[in-house]
Each structure stands twice: as C-alpha cells, then as structure tokens.
Amino acid sequence: MMARQRTPRTERIAFQIWWLIEDTAGECTLRDMAEFTETSMQTCSQICRYRGWGGRYRKMACSHARDNGPQMIEALDEELTSLFGMAA
C-alpha cells in the first residue's frame, strides 16, 4: 500500500480543520469545516479520518427547532398535580 503524499494544500486544510476543532472545543461539524476551509465536506471527512480526528467534532448540527422543554414540564406538572394533588 502506497503512503499518501502530503501536499501543501492538504496540509493547509488539515491545519485549518485542526485549528477550528481546537478553537471551538469540538463544537463544529463537517459543514462548518467545509465552509471554513472552502473545500467539500467529503475532503474534510477524509482528512479527519486519515488524521484520526473522527471523534473530536460534532457529527450533527444543533437543531434550530423551538425549545418546548419548559412548556412540556409545566404540562406534566399540571397533569401530575391533577392526578395526585399537591405534594405535602
């Protein structure tokens, strides 16, 4: 198996990816890396895999959906109160 030749371009991209991962404490995705390095997500994925950085970044983007957690908790509290009454 032939070793991959490290070109200046791939070394630049790898450094940019490494810097982004370090700067964001791993709170970045392949899409973020691709935008930052101005390359494809596939290129970033291959470099991360080759360098062993697969587990150092988020695999999915954060959801921009509305957070209904507080409303769900309030509804659950009301339901439990109606079933069991106020706790002593």
C-alpha atoms as a PDB file:
ATOM      1  CA  MET A   1       0.000   0.000   0.000  1.00  0.00           C
ATOM      2  CA  MET A   2       1.464   3.342  -1.010  1.00  0.00           C
ATOM      3  CA  ALA A   3       1.615   6.166   1.504  1.00  0.00           C
ATOM      4  CA  ARG A   4      -0.433   9.205   0.620  1.00  0.00           C
ATOM      5  CA  GLN A   5       1.594  12.153  -0.486  1.00  0.00           C
ATOM      6  CA  ARG A   6       1.127  15.134   1.782  1.00  0.00           C
ATOM      7  CA  THR A   7       0.666  18.127  -0.455  1.00  0.00           C
ATOM      8  CA  PRO A   8       0.812  21.714   0.781  1.00  0.00           C
ATOM      9  CA  ARG A   9      -2.912  22.012   0.027  1.00  0.00           C
ATOM     10  CA  THR A  10      -3.899  19.024   2.205  1.00  0.00           C
ATOM     11  CA  GLU A  11      -1.547  20.175   4.956  1.00  0.00           C
ATOM     12  CA  ARG A  12      -3.170  23.635   4.870  1.00  0.00           C
ATOM     13  CA  ILE A  13      -6.664  22.145   5.038  1.00  0.00           C
ATOM     14  CA  ALA A  14      -5.642  19.785   7.842  1.00  0.00           C
ATOM     15  CA  PHE A  15      -4.186  22.677   9.838  1.00  0.00           C
ATOM     16  CA  GLN A  16      -7.347  24.746   9.333  1.00  0.00           C
ATOM     17  CA  ILE A  17      -9.508  21.814  10.449  1.00  0.00           C
ATOM     18  CA  TRP A  18      -7.311  21.206  13.490  1.00  0.00           C
ATOM     19  CA  TRP A  19      -7.443  24.910  14.374  1.00  0.00           C
ATOM     20  CA  LEU A  20     -11.242  25.031  14.047  1.00  0.00           C
ATOM     21  CA  ILE A  21     -11.679  21.931  16.216  1.00  0.00           C
ATOM     22  CA  GLU A  22      -9.378  23.393  18.871  1.00  0.00           C
ATOM     23  CA  ASP A  23     -10.903  26.881  18.724  1.00  0.00           C
ATOM     24  CA  THR A  24     -14.474  25.605  19.061  1.00  0.00           C
ATOM     25  CA  ALA A  25     -13.633  22.845  21.550  1.00  0.00           C
ATOM     26  CA  GLY A  26     -15.093  20.340  19.092  1.00  0.00           C
ATOM     27  CA  GLU A  27     -18.375  22.234  18.673  1.00  0.00           C
ATOM     28  CA  CYS A  28     -18.185  22.183  14.886  1.00  0.00           C
ATOM     29  CA  THR A  29     -19.498  19.923  12.148  1.00  0.00           C
ATOM     30  CA  LEU A  30     -18.183  18.806   8.792  1.00  0.00           C
ATOM     31  CA  ARG A  31     -20.300  21.538   7.218  1.00  0.00           C
ATOM     32  CA  ASP A  32     -18.580  24.140   9.415  1.00  0.00           C
ATOM     33  CA  MET A  33     -15.190  22.737   8.445  1.00  0.00           C
ATOM     34  CA  ALA A  34     -16.051  22.776   4.746  1.00  0.00           C
ATOM     35  CA  GLU A  35     -17.190  26.397   4.916  1.00  0.00           C
ATOM     36  CA  PHE A  36     -14.126  27.414   6.934  1.00  0.00           C
ATOM     37  CA  THR A  37     -11.626  25.669   4.641  1.00  0.00           C
ATOM     38  CA  GLU A  38     -13.574  26.397   1.436  1.00  0.00           C
ATOM     39  CA  THR A  39     -13.475  22.707   0.489  1.00  0.00           C
ATOM     40  CA  SER A  40     -16.045  19.914   0.336  1.00  0.00           C
ATOM     41  CA  MET A  41     -17.422  18.037   3.314  1.00  0.00           C
ATOM     42  CA  GLN A  42     -16.006  14.848   1.782  1.00  0.00           C
ATOM     43  CA  THR A  43     -12.491  16.320   1.758  1.00  0.00           C
ATOM     44  CA  CYS A  44     -12.807  17.352   5.391  1.00  0.00           C
ATOM     45  CA  SER A  45     -14.183  13.944   6.327  1.00  0.00           C
ATOM     46  CA  GLN A  46     -11.314  12.145   4.614  1.00  0.00           C
ATOM     47  CA  ILE A  47      -8.679  14.335   6.267  1.00  0.00           C
ATOM     48  CA  CYS A  48     -10.276  13.861   9.697  1.00  0.00           C
ATOM     49  CA  ARG A  49     -10.451  10.112   9.214  1.00  0.00           C
ATOM     50  CA  TYR A  50      -6.835   9.940   7.987  1.00  0.00           C
ATOM     51  CA  ARG A  51      -5.592  12.050  10.918  1.00  0.00           C
ATOM     52  CA  GLY A  52      -7.655  10.158  13.496  1.00  0.00           C
ATOM     53  CA  TRP A  53      -9.818  13.149  14.359  1.00  0.00           C
ATOM     54  CA  GLY A  54     -13.147  11.381  13.808  1.00  0.00           C
ATOM     55  CA  GLY A  55     -14.287  11.717  17.408  1.00  0.00           C
ATOM     56  CA  ARG A  56     -13.149  15.280  18.010  1.00  0.00           C
ATOM     57  CA  TYR A  57     -16.092  17.146  16.458  1.00  0.00           C
ATOM     58  CA  ARG A  58     -19.901  17.039  16.467  1.00  0.00           C
ATOM     59  CA  LYS A  59     -21.483  14.704  13.949  1.00  0.00           C
ATOM     60  CA  MET A  60     -24.757  16.611  13.711  1.00  0.00           C
ATOM     61  CA  ALA A  61     -25.779  20.249  13.708  1.00  0.00           C
ATOM     62  CA  CYS A  62     -27.785  21.666  16.586  1.00  0.00           C
ATOM     63  CA  SER A  63     -31.494  21.814  15.983  1.00  0.00           C
ATOM     64  CA  HIS A  64     -32.955  25.250  15.335  1.00  0.00           C
ATOM     65  CA  ALA A  65     -36.382  24.000  16.397  1.00  0.00           C
ATOM     66  CA  ARG A  66     -38.148  25.841  19.157  1.00  0.00           C
ATOM     67  CA  ASP A  67     -37.325  24.589  22.654  1.00  0.00           C
ATOM     68  CA  ASN A  68     -40.599  23.334  24.130  1.00  0.00           C
ATOM     69  CA  GLY A  69     -38.962  21.858  27.233  1.00  0.00           C
ATOM     70  CA  PRO A  70     -40.363  24.373  29.754  1.00  0.00           C
ATOM     71  CA  GLN A  71     -43.877  24.063  28.296  1.00  0.00           C
ATOM     72  CA  MET A  72     -43.685  20.269  28.432  1.00  0.00           C
ATOM     73  CA  ILE A  73     -42.523  20.351  32.064  1.00  0.00           C
ATOM     74  CA  GLU A  74     -45.343  22.718  33.009  1.00  0.00           C
ATOM     75  CA  ALA A  75     -47.931  20.494  31.295  1.00  0.00           C
ATOM     76  CA  LEU A  76     -46.530  17.409  33.026  1.00  0.00           C
ATOM     77  CA  ASP A  77     -46.587  19.187  36.400  1.00  0.00           C
ATOM     78  CA  GLU A  78     -50.244  20.140  35.877  1.00  0.00           C
ATOM     79  CA  GLU A  79     -51.129  16.571  34.887  1.00  0.00           C
ATOM     80  CA  LEU A  80     -49.362  15.080  37.910  1.00  0.00           C
ATOM     81  CA  THR A  81     -50.965  17.657  40.221  1.00  0.00           C
ATOM     82  CA  SER A  82     -54.431  16.779  38.891  1.00  0.00           C
ATOM     83  CA  LEU A  83     -53.754  13.074  39.438  1.00  0.00           C
ATOM     84  CA  PHE A  84     -52.057  13.168  42.838  1.00  0.00           C
ATOM     85  CA  GLY A  85     -52.786  16.615  44.271  1.00  0.00           C
ATOM     86  CA  MET A  86     -50.163  18.888  45.736  1.00  0.00           C
ATOM     87  CA  ALA A  87     -47.242  17.119  47.406  1.00  0.00           C
ATOM     88  CA  ALA A  88     -47.011  17.579  51.140  1.00  0.00           C
END
